[in-house]
Amino acid sequence: MKRFHVLLLSVVMCFSLLTACGSNGNDKPSSSPSVTPNESAAPSESAPAEPEVYENGLPKDEKVTLKVGLWESGSGRIWMDLAMAEFTKKYPNVTFDLTSTPTLETILEPKIAAGKDEDMFDLFFPRFSAAGSLERLVEAGKLEPQDDLWDRQLPDGSGKTLRSVISDDFYDTALSLGMTARVPVVGYTAGLFFDQKLFDEKGWNKSPNTWDEFVALLDQIKADGIIPITFPGVYAGYLTNYVFDTVQFGIAKANGNFDSYLKNFRNFDGPQLTTEENKEAWKRMYDFGKKGYFPAGVAALNHTQSQMQVMQHKAAMVATGDWVGNEMKESTPEGFTWGFMSIPVTNDSNQTVFVNAGVGDVSFVIWKNKPDLTKKWAKEFIMSLYNFEIQESLAIDAGSYPGRLDFGDDPARIAKLQPTQKAVMEYFTKHNVEYISYRRNFGLSSPEDGQSSKMISELITAVATGKKDPLPVLEEAEKLKQAAIAKDRP
């Protein structure tokens, strides 16, 4: 039976308030006037009342405002508005100062560069324009560790700890930096999305099992006068990150060297861009480009425009993530139902099909140089995101895979998943699927890495339009990458 992987994906902190009782020999004399035998003692004043605290041990009478930076992606912010409202209802002394934008990095990065802790977000999505930025912040000691959250009981009264409801994938990703800098709240699946109705009308294969079947599908689509695959050339990484970067791992799996290949990838050991597996992935993309499988003007397309091409039946499939259903819901025509597939890279019908998984994009990090009370409330808010009410909103309103493993224990909650996620689940029942994330065990910060990444980014559309052989660029970019690895390895 084919494996079915679905990413469905505290001890409560108590702080006892102690009051001083008595004094030791080193204490200064009391400032209260002494009483002589001939004087009557004044009536004793009652001791001041201890400050009231919540069940989590945090004070009720100290007002805190959490400054939050939210990356408002295609998932929207309905879930976030609900989370803040519910949290404030439970803890009225806590309010939020929210900055929500799809271009959070344009605000976040200048704040970090300015180095003014008081102007920095208290907690924020780690959304950056440059690869390795999160790792560099961790290495610089700028982020608050969240390791203590794993053994915390969830605030829903279930008695379950956070770790007990988190998948190993989530946990491994969270610990990949040597500390828990972030706790993923949901995950996503990326790959090729399409209109199931159009595929049915055309008789196209919605679930190819082999590489030859996949290529035959693209040939048939092109013969019917439709662009087989589109992607946002403005954000060309959609094509590599979400589709073709999985090919190298599928080839390694088929060759029997997957474990060593993945280890080398995670640790930056040996070649990174010029492995035989990665060169083969780029070669296949180049072959597709020469055959005209991608739009001629793809370089000018943004992500919504490329997704609209599928909805308008100008293109058959688009490289994107499972948030597409939520992101495009206002433009979705009647009868349109998203379908999903990934690339089978060999002609073995029982092969492992790798699918890109993101488990860190919807997660908060906490700025370390903030008041302790602020950081404690930030952690309380992060824990509250695992309440089923918020997890359901992430599924229903954001079109995301909930982070709690036990989300699927209730069939009624499964039924609330958006059609896009259901399409992913259906694909998983028909294939031997394995999620893959591109996380690394340390980050690169040297200028050579930036130069290498820029070369690769600019290469994508040139290869996808069949204009440039990728191999010479991969070899040049590899030299820069290796120089950066040598400098930045811990």
Protein backbone atom coordinates (compact mmCIF):
# COMPACT_ATOMS: atom_id res chain seq x y z
CA MET A 1 0.00 0.00 0.00
CA LYS A 2 1.39 3.36 -0.94
CA ARG A 3 2.36 5.57 1.94
CA PHE A 4 0.06 8.41 2.73
CA HIS A 5 1.90 11.31 4.28
CA VAL A 6 -0.28 14.21 5.34
CA LEU A 7 1.17 17.24 6.97
CA LEU A 8 -1.67 17.88 9.39
CA LEU A 9 -0.54 18.91 9.72
CA SER A 10 2.33 23.68 28.81
CA VAL A 11 3.95 22.20 31.65
CA VAL A 12 2.30 25.69 32.39
CA MET A 13 4.91 28.18 33.49
CA CYS A 14 4.16 29.07 37.09
CA PHE A 15 6.03 31.82 38.82
CA SER A 16 5.42 31.93 42.64
CA LEU A 17 5.36 35.40 44.01
CA LEU A 18 7.40 35.50 47.20
CA THR A 19 7.27 38.23 49.79
CA ALA A 20 10.23 39.04 51.97
CA CYS A 21 9.83 37.82 55.55
CA GLY A 22 12.25 38.86 58.21
CA SER A 23 15.77 40.12 57.77
CA ASN A 24 19.25 38.77 58.18
CA GLY A 25 22.10 40.19 60.18
CA ASN A 26 23.33 42.22 57.24
CA ASP A 27 20.05 44.07 56.76
CA LYS A 28 19.85 47.75 57.49
CA PRO A 29 17.72 48.82 60.47
CA SER A 30 14.05 49.28 59.68
CA SER A 31 13.08 52.78 58.67
CA SER A 32 9.93 52.54 60.82
CA PRO A 33 10.11 54.49 64.13
CA SER A 34 10.94 52.33 67.12
CA VAL A 35 8.48 51.94 70.01
CA THR A 36 9.68 52.59 73.57
CA PRO A 37 8.15 50.87 76.60
CA ASN A 38 6.35 54.13 77.52
CA GLU A 39 4.75 54.48 74.07
CA SER A 40 1.77 52.68 72.75
CA ALA A 41 2.27 50.85 69.49
CA ALA A 42 0.34 52.27 66.59
CA PRO A 43 -2.17 49.98 64.92
CA SER A 44 -0.37 47.85 62.35
CA GLU A 45 -1.09 48.60 58.75
CA SER A 46 -2.38 45.73 56.64
CA ALA A 47 0.18 44.21 54.26
CA PRO A 48 -0.14 45.33 50.64
CA ALA A 49 -2.15 42.96 48.50
CA GLU A 50 -0.16 40.68 46.28
CA PRO A 51 -0.52 41.56 42.59
CA GLU A 52 -3.04 39.43 40.74
CA VAL A 53 -1.69 36.97 38.19
CA TYR A 54 -3.18 34.78 35.48
CA GLU A 55 -2.99 31.00 35.45
CA ASN A 56 0.27 31.35 33.50
CA GLY A 57 1.84 33.35 36.33
CA LEU A 58 1.95 36.65 34.43
CA PRO A 59 0.59 39.82 36.05
CA LYS A 60 -2.88 41.10 35.26
CA ASP A 61 -2.19 44.72 36.17
CA GLU A 62 0.79 45.41 33.87
CA LYS A 63 -0.23 46.58 30.42
CA VAL A 64 1.83 45.25 27.52
CA THR A 65 1.65 46.08 23.82
CA LEU A 66 3.14 43.52 21.47
CA LYS A 67 4.58 44.99 18.28
CA VAL A 68 4.04 42.36 15.59
CA GLY A 69 5.34 42.07 12.03
CA LEU A 70 3.13 39.79 9.91
CA TRP A 71 3.96 38.65 6.38
CA GLU A 72 0.51 38.83 4.77
CA SER A 73 0.90 36.20 2.07
CA GLY A 74 -1.83 34.58 0.00
CA SER A 75 -3.14 33.10 3.25
CA GLY A 76 -4.43 36.52 4.30
CA ARG A 77 -4.77 37.76 7.88
CA ILE A 78 -8.25 36.69 9.00
CA TRP A 79 -6.70 34.03 11.21
CA MET A 80 -4.34 36.58 12.75
CA ASP A 81 -7.13 39.04 13.49
CA LEU A 82 -9.05 36.24 15.22
CA ALA A 83 -5.99 35.16 17.20
CA MET A 84 -5.33 38.68 18.47
CA ALA A 85 -8.99 39.26 19.35
CA GLU A 86 -9.25 35.99 21.30
CA PHE A 87 -5.98 36.63 23.11
CA THR A 88 -6.99 40.15 24.15
CA LYS A 89 -10.35 38.84 25.31
CA LYS A 90 -8.60 36.38 27.61
CA TYR A 91 -5.81 38.77 28.62
CA PRO A 92 -7.25 42.32 28.45
CA ASN A 93 -4.00 43.90 29.65
CA VAL A 94 -2.30 42.80 26.39
CA THR A 95 -2.83 44.71 23.16
CA PHE A 96 -1.25 44.48 19.72
CA ASP A 97 0.45 46.92 17.38
CA LEU A 98 0.27 45.00 14.09
CA THR A 99 2.13 45.71 10.86
CA SER A 100 0.71 43.40 8.19
CA THR A 101 2.05 43.52 4.63
CA PRO A 102 2.98 41.19 1.75
CA THR A 103 6.35 42.95 1.58
CA LEU A 104 7.33 42.66 5.24
CA GLU A 105 11.02 42.34 4.33
CA THR A 106 11.06 45.96 3.09
CA ILE A 107 10.16 47.08 6.63
CA LEU A 108 11.88 44.37 8.63
CA GLU A 109 15.33 44.54 7.08
CA PRO A 110 15.81 48.31 7.55
CA LYS A 111 14.75 47.93 11.20
CA ILE A 112 17.34 45.22 11.73
CA ALA A 113 20.02 47.27 9.95
CA ALA A 114 19.24 50.33 12.11
CA GLY A 115 20.03 48.32 15.23
CA LYS A 116 17.55 50.15 17.49
CA ASP A 117 15.98 47.54 19.74
CA GLU A 118 13.21 49.87 20.86
CA ASP A 119 12.03 50.30 17.25
CA MET A 120 12.19 46.60 16.45
CA PHE A 121 9.18 44.30 16.30
CA ASP A 122 8.75 42.19 19.44
CA LEU A 123 7.77 39.18 17.34
CA PHE A 124 7.62 38.80 13.59
CA PHE A 125 7.62 36.43 10.66
CA PRO A 126 11.23 35.80 9.52
CA ARG A 127 10.60 37.09 6.01
CA PHE A 128 13.81 38.24 4.28
CA SER A 129 14.95 39.04 0.77
CA ALA A 130 18.32 37.30 1.19
CA ALA A 131 18.87 33.61 1.87
CA GLY A 132 20.52 32.79 5.18
CA SER A 133 19.24 35.90 6.97
CA LEU A 134 17.49 33.91 9.69
CA GLU A 135 20.59 31.83 10.32
CA ARG A 136 22.72 34.95 10.61
CA LEU A 137 20.36 36.46 13.19
CA VAL A 138 20.55 33.27 15.23
CA GLU A 139 24.35 33.20 15.03
CA ALA A 140 24.46 36.84 16.12
CA GLY A 141 22.30 36.08 19.19
CA LYS A 142 19.51 38.40 18.10
CA LEU A 143 16.60 36.00 18.57
CA GLU A 144 15.03 34.70 21.76
CA PRO A 145 15.19 30.89 22.22
CA GLN A 146 11.78 29.22 22.30
CA ASP A 147 13.01 25.76 23.37
CA ASP A 148 11.01 25.99 26.60
CA LEU A 149 7.73 25.90 24.67
CA TRP A 150 8.04 22.24 23.63
CA ASP A 151 7.26 20.91 27.10
CA ARG A 152 4.57 23.48 27.79
CA GLN A 153 0.99 22.25 27.98
CA LEU A 154 -1.30 23.61 25.31
CA PRO A 155 -3.65 26.32 26.58
CA ASP A 156 -6.75 24.37 25.46
CA GLY A 157 -6.92 22.32 28.67
CA SER A 158 -6.23 19.04 26.86
CA GLY A 159 -3.15 18.33 28.98
CA LYS A 160 -1.12 17.71 25.81
CA THR A 161 2.30 19.26 25.40
CA LEU A 162 3.22 21.23 22.29
CA ARG A 163 5.81 18.63 21.28
CA SER A 164 3.23 15.84 21.46
CA VAL A 165 1.08 17.42 18.73
CA ILE A 166 3.92 18.51 16.43
CA SER A 167 5.21 16.33 13.59
CA ASP A 168 8.85 15.28 13.43
CA ASP A 169 9.23 17.40 10.27
CA PHE A 170 8.08 20.49 12.13
CA TYR A 171 10.27 19.71 15.12
CA ASP A 172 13.40 18.98 13.05
CA THR A 173 12.95 22.19 11.09
CA ALA A 174 12.53 24.21 14.27
CA LEU A 175 15.74 22.77 15.73
CA SER A 176 17.79 22.99 12.55
CA LEU A 177 19.55 26.14 13.77
CA GLY A 178 20.80 24.57 17.00
CA MET A 179 18.03 26.24 19.00
CA THR A 180 14.32 26.78 18.63
CA ALA A 181 14.27 30.20 17.05
CA ARG A 182 10.76 29.67 15.68
CA VAL A 183 7.88 27.26 16.19
CA PRO A 184 5.99 26.54 12.94
CA VAL A 185 2.24 27.01 13.25
CA VAL A 186 1.18 25.56 9.88
CA GLY A 187 2.79 24.08 6.80
CA TYR A 188 2.30 24.30 3.07
CA THR A 189 2.67 22.11 0.02
CA ALA A 190 4.06 23.43 -3.26
CA GLY A 191 4.15 22.01 -6.76
CA LEU A 192 2.03 22.20 -9.91
CA PHE A 193 -1.61 23.27 -9.61
CA PHE A 194 -4.25 23.05 -12.33
CA ASP A 195 -7.96 23.17 -13.18
CA GLN A 196 -9.35 19.66 -12.74
CA LYS A 197 -12.39 20.44 -14.88
CA LEU A 198 -10.22 21.46 -17.85
CA PHE A 199 -8.10 18.32 -17.48
CA ASP A 200 -11.25 16.20 -17.47
CA GLU A 201 -12.63 17.96 -20.55
CA LYS A 202 -9.38 17.52 -22.46
CA GLY A 203 -8.76 13.97 -21.26
CA TRP A 204 -5.38 14.95 -19.81
CA ASN A 205 -3.64 12.78 -17.26
CA LYS A 206 -4.21 14.34 -13.82
CA SER A 207 -1.84 12.02 -12.01
CA PRO A 208 1.12 10.80 -14.11
CA ASN A 209 3.07 7.99 -12.45
CA THR A 210 6.31 8.16 -14.45
CA TRP A 211 8.58 10.69 -16.11
CA ASP A 212 7.53 9.53 -19.58
CA GLU A 213 3.86 9.93 -18.66
CA PHE A 214 4.57 13.43 -17.38
CA VAL A 215 6.40 14.45 -20.59
CA ALA A 216 3.60 12.91 -22.67
CA LEU A 217 1.11 15.05 -20.73
CA LEU A 218 3.06 18.22 -21.53
CA ASP A 219 3.26 17.27 -25.19
CA GLN A 220 -0.49 16.72 -25.32
CA ILE A 221 -1.22 20.03 -23.63
CA LYS A 222 1.04 21.91 -26.02
CA ALA A 223 -0.53 20.14 -29.01
CA ASP A 224 -3.92 21.42 -27.78
CA GLY A 225 -2.62 24.98 -28.05
CA ILE A 226 -2.20 25.68 -24.33
CA ILE A 227 0.99 26.56 -22.42
CA PRO A 228 1.87 23.46 -20.37
CA ILE A 229 3.50 25.17 -17.35
CA THR A 230 3.60 28.79 -16.23
CA PHE A 231 5.32 30.47 -13.31
CA PRO A 232 5.97 34.02 -12.08
CA GLY A 233 9.15 35.15 -13.79
CA VAL A 234 9.27 38.14 -11.44
CA TYR A 235 9.71 35.57 -8.66
CA ALA A 236 11.40 32.92 -10.76
CA GLY A 237 12.30 30.82 -7.74
CA TYR A 238 8.73 29.50 -7.79
CA LEU A 239 9.76 27.23 -10.67
CA THR A 240 12.93 25.91 -9.07
CA ASN A 241 12.00 25.86 -5.37
CA TYR A 242 8.51 24.46 -5.83
CA VAL A 243 9.07 22.12 -8.78
CA PHE A 244 12.50 21.40 -10.25
CA ASP A 245 14.56 21.46 -7.05
CA THR A 246 12.72 18.30 -5.98
CA VAL A 247 14.06 16.45 -9.04
CA GLN A 248 17.59 16.09 -7.65
CA PHE A 249 16.29 14.31 -4.56
CA GLY A 250 14.12 11.97 -6.60
CA ILE A 251 17.12 10.99 -8.73
CA ALA A 252 19.25 10.46 -5.62
CA LYS A 253 16.53 8.26 -4.15
CA ALA A 254 16.35 6.21 -7.34
CA ASN A 255 20.15 5.87 -7.36
CA GLY A 256 20.19 4.58 -3.79
CA ASN A 257 22.25 7.45 -2.35
CA PHE A 258 19.48 9.64 -0.94
CA ASP A 259 20.63 9.63 2.70
CA SER A 260 24.18 10.71 1.90
CA TYR A 261 22.95 13.20 -0.70
CA LEU A 262 20.58 14.84 1.78
CA LYS A 263 23.27 14.92 4.50
CA ASN A 264 25.69 16.64 2.13
CA PHE A 265 22.97 19.09 1.15
CA ARG A 266 22.08 19.98 4.74
CA ASN A 267 25.73 20.40 5.78
CA PHE A 268 27.10 22.07 2.63
CA ASP A 269 29.48 19.14 2.14
CA GLY A 270 30.91 18.71 -1.34
CA PRO A 271 29.39 20.18 -4.53
CA GLN A 272 26.03 21.86 -4.15
CA LEU A 273 25.08 23.16 -7.60
CA THR A 274 27.10 20.83 -9.79
CA THR A 275 26.11 17.43 -8.42
CA GLU A 276 25.08 15.08 -11.20
CA GLU A 277 21.57 15.06 -9.75
CA ASN A 278 21.21 18.83 -9.75
CA LYS A 279 22.72 19.21 -13.22
CA GLU A 280 20.19 16.68 -14.49
CA ALA A 281 17.33 18.67 -12.95
CA TRP A 282 18.49 21.84 -14.72
CA LYS A 283 19.03 19.94 -17.97
CA ARG A 284 15.42 18.76 -17.90
CA MET A 285 14.19 22.29 -17.29
CA TYR A 286 16.36 23.50 -20.19
CA ASP A 287 14.91 20.80 -22.46
CA PHE A 288 11.41 21.93 -21.50
CA GLY A 289 12.39 25.51 -22.30
CA LYS A 290 13.65 24.57 -25.76
CA LYS A 291 10.38 22.70 -26.41
CA GLY A 292 8.34 25.79 -25.52
CA TYR A 293 6.65 24.34 -22.45
CA PHE A 294 6.82 27.69 -20.62
CA PRO A 295 5.38 31.11 -21.61
CA ALA A 296 7.56 33.19 -23.92
CA GLY A 297 6.99 36.36 -21.84
CA VAL A 298 7.27 34.69 -18.47
CA ALA A 299 9.92 37.12 -17.16
CA ALA A 300 7.27 39.86 -16.79
CA LEU A 301 4.67 37.77 -14.92
CA ASN A 302 4.05 38.12 -11.20
CA HIS A 303 2.51 35.33 -9.15
CA THR A 304 -1.12 36.41 -9.50
CA GLN A 305 -0.77 36.91 -13.23
CA SER A 306 0.69 33.45 -13.71
CA GLN A 307 -2.10 31.94 -11.61
CA MET A 308 -4.68 33.84 -13.67
CA GLN A 309 -3.26 32.21 -16.80
CA VAL A 310 -4.41 28.86 -15.43
CA MET A 311 -7.81 30.20 -14.43
CA GLN A 312 -8.23 31.66 -17.92
CA HIS A 313 -7.03 28.40 -19.52
CA LYS A 314 -4.10 30.11 -21.22
CA ALA A 315 -1.82 27.75 -19.30
CA ALA A 316 -2.52 24.29 -17.93
CA MET A 317 -0.41 24.27 -14.75
CA VAL A 318 1.24 26.83 -12.52
CA ALA A 319 4.16 26.45 -10.13
CA THR A 320 2.89 27.72 -6.78
CA GLY A 321 1.79 26.69 -3.29
CA ASP A 322 -1.44 25.34 -1.85
CA TRP A 323 -2.39 28.83 -0.70
CA VAL A 324 -3.39 29.52 -4.31
CA GLY A 325 -7.02 28.57 -3.70
CA ASN A 326 -7.35 31.14 -0.94
CA GLU A 327 -5.27 33.76 -2.73
CA MET A 328 -7.34 33.56 -5.93
CA LYS A 329 -10.77 32.87 -4.44
CA GLU A 330 -12.21 36.20 -5.55
CA SER A 331 -11.24 35.45 -9.15
CA THR A 332 -12.14 31.77 -9.26
CA PRO A 333 -14.75 31.03 -11.94
CA GLU A 334 -17.71 28.78 -11.17
CA GLY A 335 -16.91 25.12 -11.60
CA PHE A 336 -13.16 25.62 -11.26
CA THR A 337 -11.52 23.15 -8.86
CA TRP A 338 -7.80 23.16 -8.20
CA GLY A 339 -5.86 19.94 -8.72
CA PHE A 340 -2.29 19.13 -7.75
CA MET A 341 0.70 17.12 -8.96
CA SER A 342 4.43 16.89 -8.50
CA ILE A 343 7.05 15.57 -10.94
CA PRO A 344 7.76 11.84 -11.06
CA VAL A 345 11.42 11.76 -12.10
CA THR A 346 11.94 8.12 -13.14
CA ASN A 347 9.96 5.51 -15.06
CA ASP A 348 9.38 3.37 -12.01
CA SER A 349 5.66 3.70 -11.28
CA ASN A 350 6.34 2.92 -7.60
CA GLN A 351 9.03 5.57 -7.19
CA THR A 352 9.13 8.06 -4.35
CA VAL A 353 7.74 11.38 -5.55
CA PHE A 354 9.23 14.30 -3.66
CA VAL A 355 7.08 17.30 -2.83
CA ASN A 356 8.32 20.63 -1.53
CA ALA A 357 7.12 21.30 1.99
CA GLY A 358 7.28 24.55 3.88
CA VAL A 359 6.97 24.38 7.65
CA GLY A 360 8.68 27.57 8.68
CA ASP A 361 7.00 30.35 6.73
CA VAL A 362 4.09 30.69 9.16
CA SER A 363 6.04 31.03 12.37
CA PHE A 364 7.08 33.83 14.69
CA VAL A 365 10.51 34.70 15.99
CA ILE A 366 11.00 36.89 19.07
CA TRP A 367 13.57 39.70 19.23
CA LYS A 368 15.92 38.96 22.12
CA ASN A 369 16.69 42.49 23.30
CA LYS A 370 13.21 43.16 24.61
CA PRO A 371 11.85 43.37 28.19
CA ASP A 372 11.42 39.97 29.81
CA LEU A 373 7.70 40.51 30.40
CA THR A 374 7.19 41.38 26.72
CA LYS A 375 8.98 38.19 25.63
CA LYS A 376 6.93 36.08 28.04
CA TRP A 377 3.70 37.46 26.62
CA ALA A 378 5.00 36.89 23.09
CA LYS A 379 5.52 33.22 23.93
CA GLU A 380 2.03 33.01 25.42
CA PHE A 381 0.61 34.36 22.17
CA ILE A 382 2.57 31.84 20.10
CA MET A 383 1.21 29.03 22.27
CA SER A 384 -2.34 30.34 21.78
CA LEU A 385 -2.03 29.81 18.01
CA TYR A 386 -2.32 26.07 18.65
CA ASN A 387 -5.85 26.36 20.01
CA PHE A 388 -8.17 24.48 17.67
CA GLU A 389 -10.19 27.65 17.00
CA ILE A 390 -7.12 29.31 15.49
CA GLN A 391 -5.93 26.13 13.76
CA GLU A 392 -9.37 25.81 12.14
CA SER A 393 -9.20 29.41 10.95
CA LEU A 394 -5.80 28.69 9.41
CA ALA A 395 -7.42 25.79 7.54
CA ILE A 396 -10.67 27.50 6.57
CA ASP A 397 -9.70 31.15 6.10
CA ALA A 398 -6.01 30.86 5.21
CA GLY A 399 -6.09 27.64 3.23
CA SER A 400 -3.13 26.23 5.17
CA TYR A 401 -2.28 22.86 6.67
CA PRO A 402 -2.76 23.10 10.43
CA GLY A 403 0.31 22.37 12.49
CA ARG A 404 -1.39 20.09 15.02
CA LEU A 405 -1.08 16.38 14.28
CA ASP A 406 -4.34 15.71 16.09
CA PHE A 407 -6.25 18.14 13.89
CA GLY A 408 -7.42 15.17 11.82
CA ASP A 409 -8.74 13.24 14.82
CA ASP A 410 -12.09 14.90 14.22
CA PRO A 411 -13.54 14.22 10.70
CA ALA A 412 -15.51 17.45 11.00
CA ARG A 413 -12.26 19.40 11.08
CA ILE A 414 -10.93 17.53 8.04
CA ALA A 415 -14.08 18.53 6.17
CA LYS A 416 -13.20 22.17 6.79
CA LEU A 417 -10.01 22.02 4.70
CA GLN A 418 -10.19 24.05 1.52
CA PRO A 419 -10.50 22.18 -1.82
CA THR A 420 -6.87 22.93 -2.65
CA GLN A 421 -5.62 21.04 0.39
CA LYS A 422 -8.05 18.21 -0.34
CA ALA A 423 -6.59 17.95 -3.85
CA VAL A 424 -3.12 17.58 -2.35
CA MET A 425 -4.40 14.86 -0.03
CA GLU A 426 -5.99 13.04 -2.98
CA TYR A 427 -2.68 13.10 -4.87
CA PHE A 428 -0.93 11.66 -1.83
CA THR A 429 -3.28 8.67 -1.78
CA LYS A 430 -2.21 7.75 -5.32
CA HIS A 431 1.56 8.14 -5.01
CA ASN A 432 4.40 7.25 -2.71
CA VAL A 433 5.05 10.82 -1.59
CA GLU A 434 7.80 12.15 0.61
CA TYR A 435 8.02 15.76 1.74
CA ILE A 436 11.36 17.52 1.35
CA SER A 437 12.43 20.86 2.79
CA TYR A 438 15.51 22.76 1.70
CA ARG A 439 16.69 23.70 5.16
CA ARG A 440 20.42 23.88 5.87
CA ASN A 441 22.26 23.29 9.12
CA PHE A 442 23.96 26.69 8.98
CA GLY A 443 23.69 29.84 6.92
CA LEU A 444 26.00 31.54 4.46
CA SER A 445 26.68 35.25 4.79
CA SER A 446 29.76 35.95 2.68
CA PRO A 447 29.36 38.17 -0.41
CA GLU A 448 30.27 35.22 -2.61
CA ASP A 449 27.07 33.45 -1.59
CA GLY A 450 25.01 36.46 -2.56
CA GLN A 451 26.75 36.60 -5.91
CA SER A 452 26.17 32.89 -6.47
CA SER A 453 22.49 33.12 -5.55
CA LYS A 454 22.02 36.12 -7.85
CA MET A 455 23.54 34.21 -10.77
CA ILE A 456 21.18 31.28 -10.19
CA SER A 457 18.14 33.52 -9.80
CA GLU A 458 18.86 35.32 -13.07
CA LEU A 459 19.48 32.01 -14.81
CA ILE A 460 16.01 30.56 -14.27
CA THR A 461 13.99 32.45 -16.88
CA ALA A 462 16.83 32.22 -19.42
CA VAL A 463 16.82 28.43 -19.06
CA ALA A 464 13.01 28.19 -19.01
CA THR A 465 12.83 30.05 -22.32
CA GLY A 466 15.52 27.86 -23.84
CA LYS A 467 17.96 30.73 -24.29
CA LYS A 468 20.84 29.63 -22.06
CA ASP A 469 22.54 26.34 -21.29
CA PRO A 470 22.61 26.17 -17.47
CA LEU A 471 25.79 24.12 -17.03
CA PRO A 472 28.42 26.90 -17.48
CA VAL A 473 26.56 29.17 -15.07
CA LEU A 474 26.15 26.39 -12.52
CA GLU A 475 29.88 25.74 -12.62
CA GLU A 476 30.73 29.41 -12.12
CA ALA A 477 28.15 29.81 -9.36
CA GLU A 478 29.51 26.68 -7.66
CA LYS A 479 32.96 28.28 -7.32
CA LEU A 480 31.44 31.24 -5.52
CA LYS A 481 29.27 29.00 -3.37
CA GLN A 482 32.26 26.94 -2.27
CA ALA A 483 34.19 30.09 -1.41
CA ALA A 484 31.31 31.20 0.79
CA ILE A 485 31.06 27.77 2.45
CA ALA A 486 34.78 27.83 3.27
CA LYS A 487 34.42 31.25 4.92
CA ASP A 488 31.14 30.68 6.72
CA ARG A 489 31.33 27.12 7.97
CA PRO A 490 31.03 27.21 11.79
